[in-house]
PDB file of N, CA and C in Angstrom:
ATOM      1  N   MET A   1       0.853  -1.180   0.000  1.00  0.00           N
ATOM      2  CA  MET A   1       0.000   0.000   0.000  1.00  0.00           C
ATOM      3  C   MET A   1       0.889   1.230   0.000  1.00  0.00           C
ATOM      4  N   ASN A   2       0.734   2.064  -0.979  1.00  0.00           N
ATOM      5  CA  ASN A   2       1.607   3.205  -1.149  1.00  0.00           C
ATOM      6  C   ASN A   2       0.794   4.488  -1.018  1.00  0.00           C
ATOM      7  N   THR A   3       0.375   4.834   0.229  1.00  0.00           N
ATOM      8  CA  THR A   3      -0.386   6.066   0.452  1.00  0.00           C
ATOM      9  C   THR A   3       0.547   7.112   1.028  1.00  0.00           C
ATOM     10  N   ALA A   4       0.309   8.336   0.617  1.00  0.00           N
ATOM     11  CA  ALA A   4       1.138   9.437   1.106  1.00  0.00           C
ATOM     12  C   ALA A   4       0.696   9.811   2.510  1.00  0.00           C
ATOM     13  N   GLY A   5       1.636  10.199   3.326  1.00  0.00           N
ATOM     14  CA  GLY A   5       1.307  10.606   4.677  1.00  0.00           C
ATOM     15  C   GLY A   5       0.768  12.027   4.708  1.00  0.00           C
ATOM     16  N   THR A   6       0.201  12.401   5.842  1.00  0.00           N
ATOM     17  CA  THR A   6      -0.293  13.771   6.022  1.00  0.00           C
ATOM     18  C   THR A   6       0.615  14.470   7.023  1.00  0.00           C
ATOM     19  N   ILE A   7       0.327  15.724   7.284  1.00  0.00           N
ATOM     20  CA  ILE A   7       1.129  16.481   8.251  1.00  0.00           C
ATOM     21  C   ILE A   7       0.954  15.876   9.641  1.00  0.00           C
ATOM     22  N   ASP A   8      -0.298  15.556   9.983  1.00  0.00           N
ATOM     23  CA  ASP A   8      -0.569  15.003  11.309  1.00  0.00           C
ATOM     24  C   ASP A   8      -0.056  13.577  11.465  1.00  0.00           C
ATOM     25  N   ARG A   9      -0.159  12.808  10.368  1.00  0.00           N
ATOM     26  CA  ARG A   9       0.279  11.409  10.413  1.00  0.00           C
ATOM     27  C   ARG A   9       1.266  11.172   9.270  1.00  0.00           C
ATOM     28  N   PRO A  10       2.528  11.538   9.468  1.00  0.00           N
ATOM     29  CA  PRO A  10       3.504  11.355   8.386  1.00  0.00           C
ATOM     30  C   PRO A  10       3.758   9.877   8.129  1.00  0.00           C
ATOM     31  N   LEU A  11       4.179   9.609   6.904  1.00  0.00           N
ATOM     32  CA  LEU A  11       4.484   8.232   6.521  1.00  0.00           C
ATOM     33  C   LEU A  11       5.616   7.682   7.389  1.00  0.00           C
ATOM     34  N   THR A  12       6.582   8.530   7.651  1.00  0.00           N
ATOM     35  CA  THR A  12       7.699   8.144   8.508  1.00  0.00           C
ATOM     36  C   THR A  12       8.065   9.331   9.390  1.00  0.00           C
ATOM     37  N   HIS A  13       8.655   9.040  10.525  1.00  0.00           N
ATOM     38  CA  HIS A  13       9.069  10.127  11.416  1.00  0.00           C
ATOM     39  C   HIS A  13      10.518  10.513  11.193  1.00  0.00           C
ATOM     40  N   ASP A  14      11.200   9.795  10.328  1.00  0.00           N
ATOM     41  CA  ASP A  14      12.587  10.107  10.012  1.00  0.00           C
ATOM     42  C   ASP A  14      12.617  11.284   9.038  1.00  0.00           C
ATOM     43  N   PRO A  15      13.179  12.437   9.425  1.00  0.00           N
ATOM     44  CA  PRO A  15      13.158  13.613   8.549  1.00  0.00           C
ATOM     45  C   PRO A  15      13.906  13.401   7.231  1.00  0.00           C
ATOM     46  N   LYS A  16      14.889  12.516   7.209  1.00  0.00           N
ATOM     47  CA  LYS A  16      15.648  12.294   5.972  1.00  0.00           C
ATOM     48  C   LYS A  16      14.810  11.553   4.928  1.00  0.00           C
ATOM     49  N   LYS A  17      13.855  10.760   5.376  1.00  0.00           N
ATOM     50  CA  LYS A  17      13.035   9.989   4.451  1.00  0.00           C
ATOM     51  C   LYS A  17      11.766  10.725   4.029  1.00  0.00           C
ATOM     52  N   GLN A  18      11.483  11.869   4.667  1.00  0.00           N
ATOM     53  CA  GLN A  18      10.283  12.630   4.306  1.00  0.00           C
ATOM     54  C   GLN A  18      10.549  13.468   3.067  1.00  0.00           C
ATOM     55  N   ALA A  19       9.473  13.799   2.374  1.00  0.00           N
ATOM     56  CA  ALA A  19       9.597  14.630   1.173  1.00  0.00           C
ATOM     57  C   ALA A  19       9.996  16.041   1.580  1.00  0.00           C
ATOM     58  N   PRO A  20      10.835  16.699   0.792  1.00  0.00           N
ATOM     59  CA  PRO A  20      11.233  18.071   1.145  1.00  0.00           C
ATOM     60  C   PRO A  20      10.050  19.019   0.985  1.00  0.00           C
ATOM     61  N   MET A  21      10.065  20.065   1.810  1.00  0.00           N
ATOM     62  CA  MET A  21       8.971  21.048   1.738  1.00  0.00           C
ATOM     63  C   MET A  21       9.178  21.936   0.528  1.00  0.00           C
ATOM     64  N   LYS A  22       8.102  22.190  -0.183  1.00  0.00           N
ATOM     65  CA  LYS A  22       8.162  23.067  -1.358  1.00  0.00           C
ATOM     66  C   LYS A  22       7.668  24.447  -0.950  1.00  0.00           C
ATOM     67  N   PRO A  23       8.324  25.501  -1.406  1.00  0.00           N
ATOM     68  CA  PRO A  23       7.876  26.840  -1.047  1.00  0.00           C
ATOM     69  C   PRO A  23       6.510  27.142  -1.676  1.00  0.00           C
ATOM     70  N   SER A  24       5.715  27.894  -0.947  1.00  0.00           N
ATOM     71  CA  SER A  24       4.385  28.263  -1.434  1.00  0.00           C
ATOM     72  C   SER A  24       4.510  29.308  -2.541  1.00  0.00           C
ATOM     73  N   THR A  25       3.627  29.233  -3.522  1.00  0.00           N
ATOM     74  CA  THR A  25       3.672  30.202  -4.632  1.00  0.00           C
ATOM     75  C   THR A  25       3.059  31.530  -4.235  1.00  0.00           C
ATOM     76  N   SER A  26       2.220  31.540  -3.191  1.00  0.00           N
ATOM     77  CA  SER A  26       1.567  32.797  -2.788  1.00  0.00           C
ATOM     78  C   SER A  26       2.521  33.708  -2.017  1.00  0.00           C
ATOM     79  N   GLU A  27       3.570  33.151  -1.429  1.00  0.00           N
ATOM     80  CA  GLU A  27       4.522  33.980  -0.682  1.00  0.00           C
ATOM     81  C   GLU A  27       5.709  34.317  -1.566  1.00  0.00           C
ATOM     82  N   LEU A  28       6.210  35.515  -1.386  1.00  0.00           N
ATOM     83  CA  LEU A  28       7.408  35.923  -2.107  1.00  0.00           C
ATOM     84  C   LEU A  28       8.621  35.298  -1.456  1.00  0.00           C
ATOM     85  N   ALA A  29       9.637  35.026  -2.241  1.00  0.00           N
ATOM     86  CA  ALA A  29      10.859  34.437  -1.699  1.00  0.00           C
ATOM     87  C   ALA A  29      11.536  35.432  -0.771  1.00  0.00           C
ATOM     88  N   GLY A  30      11.945  34.987   0.374  1.00  0.00           N
ATOM     89  CA  GLY A  30      12.638  35.850   1.332  1.00  0.00           C
ATOM     90  C   GLY A  30      11.712  36.784   2.091  1.00  0.00           C
ATOM     91  N   SER A  31      10.423  36.506   2.098  1.00  0.00           N
ATOM     92  CA  SER A  31       9.494  37.411   2.791  1.00  0.00           C
ATOM     93  C   SER A  31       9.133  36.862   4.167  1.00  0.00           C
ATOM     94  N   ALA A  32      10.062  36.191   4.780  1.00  0.00           N
ATOM     95  CA  ALA A  32       9.775  35.616   6.092  1.00  0.00           C
ATOM     96  C   ALA A  32       9.662  36.729   7.124  1.00  0.00           C
ATOM     97  N   THR A  33       8.598  36.697   7.880  1.00  0.00           N
ATOM     98  CA  THR A  33       8.398  37.688   8.944  1.00  0.00           C
ATOM     99  C   THR A  33       8.784  37.052  10.268  1.00  0.00           C
ATOM    100  N   PRO A  34       9.268  37.854  11.197  1.00  0.00           N
ATOM    101  CA  PRO A  34       9.624  37.281  12.499  1.00  0.00           C
ATOM    102  C   PRO A  34       8.391  36.696  13.174  1.00  0.00           C
ATOM    103  N   ASP A  35       8.564  35.541  13.758  1.00  0.00           N
ATOM    104  CA  ASP A  35       7.444  34.819  14.348  1.00  0.00           C
ATOM    105  C   ASP A  35       7.232  35.289  15.786  1.00  0.00           C
ATOM    106  N   VAL A  36       6.684  36.488  15.938  1.00  0.00           N
ATOM    107  CA  VAL A  36       6.497  37.084  17.253  1.00  0.00           C
ATOM    108  C   VAL A  36       5.388  36.370  18.003  1.00  0.00           C
ATOM    109  N   THR A  37       4.311  36.052  17.285  1.00  0.00           N
ATOM    110  CA  THR A  37       3.165  35.447  17.967  1.00  0.00           C
ATOM    111  C   THR A  37       3.524  34.081  18.534  1.00  0.00           C
ATOM    112  N   THR A  38       4.339  33.314  17.818  1.00  0.00           N
ATOM    113  CA  THR A  38       4.700  31.984  18.305  1.00  0.00           C
ATOM    114  C   THR A  38       5.568  32.095  19.550  1.00  0.00           C
ATOM    115  N   THR A  39       6.561  32.986  19.526  1.00  0.00           N
ATOM    116  CA  THR A  39       7.408  33.124  20.707  1.00  0.00           C
ATOM    117  C   THR A  39       6.587  33.659  21.867  1.00  0.00           C
ATOM    118  N   GLY A  40       5.695  34.594  21.578  1.00  0.00           N
ATOM    119  CA  GLY A  40       4.828  35.116  22.637  1.00  0.00           C
ATOM    120  C   GLY A  40       3.941  34.020  23.196  1.00  0.00           C
ATOM    121  N   ALA A  41       3.439  33.165  22.286  1.00  0.00           N
ATOM    122  CA  ALA A  41       2.560  32.080  22.720  1.00  0.00           C
ATOM    123  C   ALA A  41       3.330  31.078  23.573  1.00  0.00           C
ATOM    124  N   SER A  42       4.553  30.742  23.122  1.00  0.00           N
ATOM    125  CA  SER A  42       5.315  29.769  23.914  1.00  0.00           C
ATOM    126  C   SER A  42       5.723  30.382  25.245  1.00  0.00           C
ATOM    127  N   GLU A  43       5.998  31.686  25.227  1.00  0.00           N
ATOM    128  CA  GLU A  43       6.348  32.368  26.477  1.00  0.00           C
ATOM    129  C   GLU A  43       5.157  32.367  27.422  1.00  0.00           C
ATOM    130  N   ALA A  44       3.974  32.650  26.869  1.00  0.00           N
ATOM    131  CA  ALA A  44       2.767  32.631  27.696  1.00  0.00           C
ATOM    132  C   ALA A  44       2.523  31.223  28.217  1.00  0.00           C
ATOM    133  N   ARG A  45       2.756  30.242  27.351  1.00  0.00           N
ATOM    134  CA  ARG A  45       2.584  28.851  27.771  1.00  0.00           C
ATOM    135  C   ARG A  45       3.560  28.520  28.887  1.00  0.00           C
ATOM    136  N   GLN A  46       4.796  29.006  28.744  1.00  0.00           N
ATOM    137  CA  GLN A  46       5.814  28.770  29.771  1.00  0.00           C
ATOM    138  C   GLN A  46       5.388  29.429  31.078  1.00  0.00           C
ATOM    139  N   ASN A  47       4.903  30.679  30.986  1.00  0.00           N
ATOM    140  CA  ASN A  47       4.455  31.377  32.186  1.00  0.00           C
ATOM    141  C   ASN A  47       3.290  30.638  32.829  1.00  0.00           C
ATOM    142  N   ARG A  48       2.363  30.157  31.985  1.00  0.00           N
ATOM    143  CA  ARG A  48       1.214  29.447  32.507  1.00  0.00           C
ATOM    144  C   ARG A  48       1.683  28.188  33.232  1.00  0.00           C
ATOM    145  N   THR A  49       2.636  27.504  32.645  1.00  0.00           N
ATOM    146  CA  THR A  49       3.157  26.294  33.265  1.00  0.00           C
ATOM    147  C   THR A  49       3.811  26.638  34.597  1.00  0.00           C
ATOM    148  N   ARG A  50       4.609  27.698  34.597  1.00  0.00           N
ATOM    149  CA  ARG A  50       5.280  28.121  35.830  1.00  0.00           C
ATOM    150  C   ARG A  50       4.237  28.534  36.863  1.00  0.00           C
ATOM    151  N   GLU A  51       3.215  29.269  36.391  1.00  0.00           N
ATOM    152  CA  GLU A  51       2.154  29.721  37.286  1.00  0.00           C
ATOM    153  C   GLU A  51       1.419  28.524  37.884  1.00  0.00           C
ATOM    154  N   MET A  52       1.121  27.550  37.043  1.00  0.00           N
ATOM    155  CA  MET A  52       0.425  26.360  37.528  1.00  0.00           C
ATOM    156  C   MET A  52       1.298  25.599  38.528  1.00  0.00           C
ATOM    157  N   GLN A  53       2.587  25.528  38.247  1.00  0.00           N
ATOM    158  CA  GLN A  53       3.495  24.844  39.162  1.00  0.00           C
ATOM    159  C   GLN A  53       3.551  25.591  40.491  1.00  0.00           C
ATOM    160  N   LEU A  54       3.614  26.916  40.417  1.00  0.00           N
ATOM    161  CA  LEU A  54       3.651  27.704  41.646  1.00  0.00           C
ATOM    162  C   LEU A  54       2.345  27.565  42.414  1.00  0.00           C
ATOM    163  N   MET A  55       1.229  27.456  41.674  1.00  0.00           N
ATOM    164  CA  MET A  55      -0.061  27.247  42.339  1.00  0.00           C
ATOM    165  C   MET A  55      -0.054  25.939  43.112  1.00  0.00           C
ATOM    166  N   GLN A  56       0.474  24.889  42.482  1.00  0.00           N
ATOM    167  CA  GLN A  56       0.532  23.587  43.144  1.00  0.00           C
ATOM    168  C   GLN A  56       1.422  23.659  44.380  1.00  0.00           C
ATOM    169  N   GLU A  57       2.546  24.373  44.251  1.00  0.00           N
ATOM    170  CA  GLU A  57       3.445  24.512  45.399  1.00  0.00           C
ATOM    171  C   GLU A  57       2.773  25.284  46.527  1.00  0.00           C
ATOM    172  N   ALA A  58       2.063  26.350  46.171  1.00  0.00           N
ATOM    173  CA  ALA A  58       1.371  27.148  47.187  1.00  0.00           C
ATOM    174  C   ALA A  58       0.285  26.313  47.864  1.00  0.00           C
ATOM    175  N   LEU A  59      -0.408  25.515  47.073  1.00  0.00           N
ATOM    176  CA  LEU A  59      -1.445  24.651  47.636  1.00  0.00           C
ATOM    177  C   LEU A  59      -0.827  23.629  48.587  1.00  0.00           C
ATOM    178  N   ALA A  60       0.285  23.031  48.186  1.00  0.00           N
ATOM    179  CA  ALA A  60       0.966  22.060  49.046  1.00  0.00           C
ATOM    180  C   ALA A  60       1.474  22.737  50.316  1.00  0.00           C
ATOM    181  N   ARG A  61       2.017  23.960  50.161  1.00  0.00           N
ATOM    182  CA  ARG A  61       2.513  24.691  51.329  1.00  0.00           C
ATOM    183  C   ARG A  61       1.374  25.001  52.297  1.00  0.00           C
ATOM    184  N   ALA A  62       0.238  25.435  51.763  1.00  0.00           N
ATOM    185  CA  ALA A  62      -0.921  25.735  52.608  1.00  0.00           C
ATOM    186  C   ALA A  62      -1.424  24.472  53.302  1.00  0.00           C
ATOM    187  N   HIS A  63      -1.413  23.357  52.559  1.00  0.00           N
ATOM    188  CA  HIS A  63      -1.857  22.093  53.131  1.00  0.00           C
ATOM    189  C   HIS A  63      -0.942  21.675  54.285  1.00  0.00           C
ATOM    190  N   MET A  64       0.366  21.791  54.082  1.00  0.00           N
ATOM    191  CA  MET A  64       1.312  21.424  55.140  1.00  0.00           C
ATOM    192  C   MET A  64       1.186  22.370  56.341  1.00  0.00           C
ATOM    193  N   HIS A  65       0.957  23.657  56.066  1.00  0.00           N
ATOM    194  CA  HIS A  65       0.773  24.645  57.135  1.00  0.00           C
ATOM    195  C   HIS A  65      -0.445  24.258  57.976  1.00  0.00           C
ATOM    196  N   GLU A  66      -1.534  23.894  57.307  1.00  0.00           N
ATOM    197  CA  GLU A  66      -2.762  23.499  58.008  1.00  0.00           C
ATOM    198  C   GLU A  66      -2.525  22.228  58.825  1.00  0.00           C
ATOM    199  N   ARG A  67      -1.799  21.278  58.252  1.00  0.00           N
ATOM    200  CA  ARG A  67      -1.528  20.034  58.982  1.00  0.00           C
ATOM    201  C   ARG A  67      -0.649  20.288  60.206  1.00  0.00           C
ATOM    202  N   LEU A  68       0.320  21.215  60.078  1.00  0.00           N
ATOM    203  CA  LEU A  68       1.166  21.553  61.234  1.00  0.00           C
ATOM    204  C   LEU A  68       0.326  22.170  62.348  1.00  0.00           C
ATOM    205  N   HIS A  69      -0.575  23.099  61.966  1.00  0.00           N
ATOM    206  CA  HIS A  69      -1.449  23.724  62.968  1.00  0.00           C
ATOM    207  C   HIS A  69      -2.352  22.685  63.627  1.00  0.00           C
ATOM    208  N   GLU A  70      -2.844  21.751  62.826  1.00  0.00           N
ATOM    209  CA  GLU A  70      -3.690  20.689  63.361  1.00  0.00           C
ATOM    210  C   GLU A  70      -2.912  19.829  64.357  1.00  0.00           C
ATOM    211  N   ALA A  71      -1.650  19.514  64.026  1.00  0.00           N
ATOM    212  CA  ALA A  71      -0.814  18.722  64.927  1.00  0.00           C
ATOM    213  C   ALA A  71      -0.556  19.473  66.231  1.00  0.00           C
ATOM    214  N   VAL A  72      -0.306  20.786  66.127  1.00  0.00           N
ATOM    215  CA  VAL A  72      -0.076  21.590  67.331  1.00  0.00           C
ATOM    216  C   VAL A  72      -1.325  21.593  68.200  1.00  0.00           C
ATOM    217  N   ARG A  73      -2.509  21.775  67.571  1.00  0.00           N
ATOM    218  CA  ARG A  73      -3.768  21.769  68.337  1.00  0.00           C
ATOM    219  C   ARG A  73      -3.983  20.425  69.017  1.00  0.00           C
ATOM    220  N   GLU A  74      -3.675  19.338  68.305  1.00  0.00           N
ATOM    221  CA  GLU A  74      -3.856  18.008  68.883  1.00  0.00           C
ATOM    222  C   GLU A  74      -2.909  17.789  70.054  1.00  0.00           C
ATOM    223  N   ARG A  75      -1.647  18.242  69.892  1.00  0.00           N
ATOM    224  CA  ARG A  75      -0.692  18.114  71.010  1.00  0.00           C
ATOM    225  C   ARG A  75      -1.167  18.895  72.229  1.00  0.00           C
ATOM    226  N   ARG A  76      -1.694  20.098  71.988  1.00  0.00           N
ATOM    227  CA  ARG A  76      -2.220  20.908  73.096  1.00  0.00           C
ATOM    228  C   ARG A  76      -3.362  20.191  73.797  1.00  0.00           C
ATOM    229  N   ALA A  77      -4.258  19.595  73.001  1.00  0.00           N
ATOM    230  CA  ALA A  77      -5.405  18.885  73.573  1.00  0.00           C
ATOM    231  C   ALA A  77      -4.939  17.692  74.400  1.00  0.00           C
ATOM    232  N   VAL A  78      -3.936  16.961  73.910  1.00  0.00           N
ATOM    233  CA  VAL A  78      -3.406  15.804  74.651  1.00  0.00           C
ATOM    234  C   VAL A  78      -2.777  16.273  75.955  1.00  0.00           C
ATOM    235  N   ARG A  79      -2.006  17.370  75.894  1.00  0.00           N
ATOM    236  CA  ARG A  79      -1.379  17.898  77.115  1.00  0.00           C
ATOM    237  C   ARG A  79      -2.429  18.363  78.116  1.00  0.00           C
ATOM    238  N   LEU A  80      -3.487  19.007  77.624  1.00  0.00           N
ATOM    239  CA  LEU A  80      -4.559  19.482  78.503  1.00  0.00           C
ATOM    240  C   LEU A  80      -5.246  18.296  79.174  1.00  0.00           C
ATOM    241  N   ALA A  81      -5.536  17.256  78.405  1.00  0.00           N
ATOM    242  CA  ALA A  81      -6.181  16.060  78.978  1.00  0.00           C
ATOM    243  C   ALA A  81      -5.285  15.426  80.037  1.00  0.00           C
ATOM    244  N   ALA A  82      -3.982  15.358  79.754  1.00  0.00           N
ATOM    245  CA  ALA A  82      -3.043  14.783  80.734  1.00  0.00           C
ATOM    246  C   ALA A  82      -2.993  15.642  81.989  1.00  0.00           C
ATOM    247  N   ALA A  83      -2.995  16.952  81.818  1.00  0.00           N
ATOM    248  CA  ALA A  83      -2.953  17.860  82.975  1.00  0.00           C
ATOM    249  C   ALA A  83      -4.223  17.713  83.814  1.00  0.00           C
ATOM    250  N   GLN A  84      -5.384  17.583  83.145  1.00  0.00           N
ATOM    251  CA  GLN A  84      -6.638  17.408  83.893  1.00  0.00           C
ATOM    252  C   GLN A  84      -6.637  16.088  84.659  1.00  0.00           C
ATOM    253  N   ARG A  85      -6.104  15.024  84.013  1.00  0.00           N
ATOM    254  CA  ARG A  85      -6.008  13.723  84.682  1.00  0.00           C
ATOM    255  C   ARG A  85      -5.126  13.812  85.920  1.00  0.00           C
ATOM    256  N   MET A  86      -3.972  14.477  85.775  1.00  0.00           N
ATOM    257  CA  MET A  86      -3.051  14.615  86.912  1.00  0.00           C
ATOM    258  C   MET A  86      -3.679  15.466  88.016  1.00  0.00           C
ATOM    259  N   GLN A  87      -4.445  16.496  87.628  1.00  0.00           N
ATOM    260  CA  GLN A  87      -5.089  17.345  88.639  1.00  0.00           C
ATOM    261  C   GLN A  87      -6.111  16.531  89.438  1.00  0.00           C
ATOM    262  N   ARG A  88      -6.925  15.707  88.738  1.00  0.00           N
ATOM    263  CA  ARG A  88      -7.911  14.871  89.440  1.00  0.00           C
ATOM    264  C   ARG A  88      -7.207  13.886  90.377  1.00  0.00           C
ATOM    265  N   ARG A  89      -6.096  13.302  89.893  1.00  0.00           N
ATOM    266  CA  ARG A  89      -5.339  12.356  90.707  1.00  0.00           C
ATOM    267  C   ARG A  89      -4.796  13.061  91.962  1.00  0.00           C
ATOM    268  N   ALA A  90      -4.294  14.295  91.776  1.00  0.00           N
ATOM    269  CA  ALA A  90      -3.753  15.061  92.908  1.00  0.00           C
ATOM    270  C   ALA A  90      -4.863  15.412  93.896  1.00  0.00           C
ATOM    271  N   GLU A  91      -6.050  15.764  93.375  1.00  0.00           N
ATOM    272  CA  GLU A  91      -7.173  16.086  94.282  1.00  0.00           C
ATOM    273  C   GLU A  91      -7.582  14.853  95.083  1.00  0.00           C
ATOM    274  N   ARG A  92      -7.632  13.679  94.446  1.00  0.00           N
ATOM    275  CA  ARG A  92      -7.980  12.448  95.165  1.00  0.00           C
ATOM    276  C   ARG A  92      -6.928  12.133  96.228  1.00  0.00           C
ATOM    277  N   ALA A  93      -5.650  12.315  95.862  1.00  0.00           N
ATOM    278  CA  ALA A  93      -4.574  12.071  96.838  1.00  0.00           C
ATOM    279  C   ALA A  93      -4.696  13.038  98.012  1.00  0.00           C
ATOM    280  N   SER A  94      -5.058  14.299  97.722  1.00  0.00           N
ATOM    281  CA  SER A  94      -5.221  15.295  98.781  1.00  0.00           C
ATOM    282  C   SER A  94      -6.366  14.894  99.716  1.00  0.00           C
ATOM    283  N   LEU A  95      -7.489  14.434  99.127  1.00  0.00           N
ATOM    284  CA  LEU A  95      -8.618  13.996  99.955  1.00  0.00           C
ATOM    285  C   LEU A  95      -8.224  12.804 100.824  1.00  0.00           C
ATOM    286  N   ARG A  96      -7.489  11.848 100.253  1.00  0.00           N
ATOM    287  CA  ARG A  96      -7.043  10.685 101.038  1.00  0.00           C
ATOM    288  C   ARG A  96      -6.141  11.134 102.191  1.00  0.00           C
ATOM    289  N   ALA A  97      -5.262  12.089 101.913  1.00  0.00           N
ATOM    290  CA  ALA A  97      -4.356  12.586 102.957  1.00  0.00           C
ATOM    291  C   ALA A  97      -5.147  13.278 104.066  1.00  0.00           C
ATOM    292  N   ARG A  98      -6.168  14.055 103.690  1.00  0.00           N
ATOM    293  CA  ARG A  98      -7.001  14.740 104.697  1.00  0.00           C
ATOM    294  C   ARG A  98      -7.733  13.728 105.567  1.00  0.00           C
ATOM    295  N   ARG A  99      -8.301  12.711 104.892  1.00  0.00           N
ATOM    296  CA  ARG A  99      -9.023  11.678 105.657  1.00  0.00           C
ATOM    297  C   ARG A  99      -8.081  10.970 106.617  1.00  0.00           C
ATOM    298  N   ALA A 100      -6.885  10.642 106.082  1.00  0.00           N
ATOM    299  CA  ALA A 100      -5.916   9.949 106.937  1.00  0.00           C
ATOM    300  C   ALA A 100      -5.523  10.820 108.121  1.00  0.00           C
ATOM    301  N   LEU A 101      -5.354  12.119 107.904  1.00  0.00           N
ATOM    302  CA  LEU A 101      -5.008  13.046 108.989  1.00  0.00           C
ATOM    303  C   LEU A 101      -6.153  13.143 109.989  1.00  0.00           C
ATOM    304  N   ALA A 102      -7.371  13.235 109.465  1.00  0.00           N
ATOM    305  CA  ALA A 102      -8.539  13.314 110.360  1.00  0.00           C
ATOM    306  C   ALA A 102      -8.651  12.048 111.201  1.00  0.00           C
ATOM    307  N   MET A 103      -8.427  10.888 110.571  1.00  0.00           N
ATOM    308  CA  MET A 103      -8.489   9.610 111.298  1.00  0.00           C
ATOM    309  C   MET A 103      -7.400   9.582 112.373  1.00  0.00           C
ATOM    310  N   ALA A 104      -6.204  10.084 112.067  1.00  0.00           N
ATOM    311  CA  ALA A 104      -5.114  10.078 113.042  1.00  0.00           C
ATOM    312  C   ALA A 104      -5.412  11.008 114.205  1.00  0.00           C
ATOM    313  N   VAL A 105      -6.049  12.140 113.944  1.00  0.00           N
ATOM    314  CA  VAL A 105      -6.365  13.120 114.986  1.00  0.00           C
ATOM    315  C   VAL A 105      -7.459  12.550 115.876  1.00  0.00           C
ATOM    316  N   MET A 106      -8.420  11.828 115.273  1.00  0.00           N
ATOM    317  CA  MET A 106      -9.542  11.299 116.016  1.00  0.00           C
ATOM    318  C   MET A 106      -9.093  10.223 117.012  1.00  0.00           C
ATOM    319  N   GLN A 107      -8.060   9.451 116.725  1.00  0.00           N
ATOM    320  CA  GLN A 107      -7.666   8.356 117.626  1.00  0.00           C
ATOM    321  C   GLN A 107      -6.874   8.838 118.756  1.00  0.00           C
TER     322      GLN A 107
END
């Protein structure tokens, strides 16, 4: 099967085996204009990519910041619970000591 390839689907990807490009008859020879729009487009694309990457980094940074704050809050809550437990234990020990003192005074 001998079908010619298209621009989107070339017959081969090897540039040496592809047919040479023929100049268009509608353009004058040597009338190449600087490709400002393409460089601008690729620059915008590059900026967009950088912007998107920075967005992802900012999102990750915010996520880690939130997780750090959550960890700090959890540590505080654990410390508070431990302090309350120790306070109750100390109050019970104080009551036992008072009872023991009262019992000793009574005898």
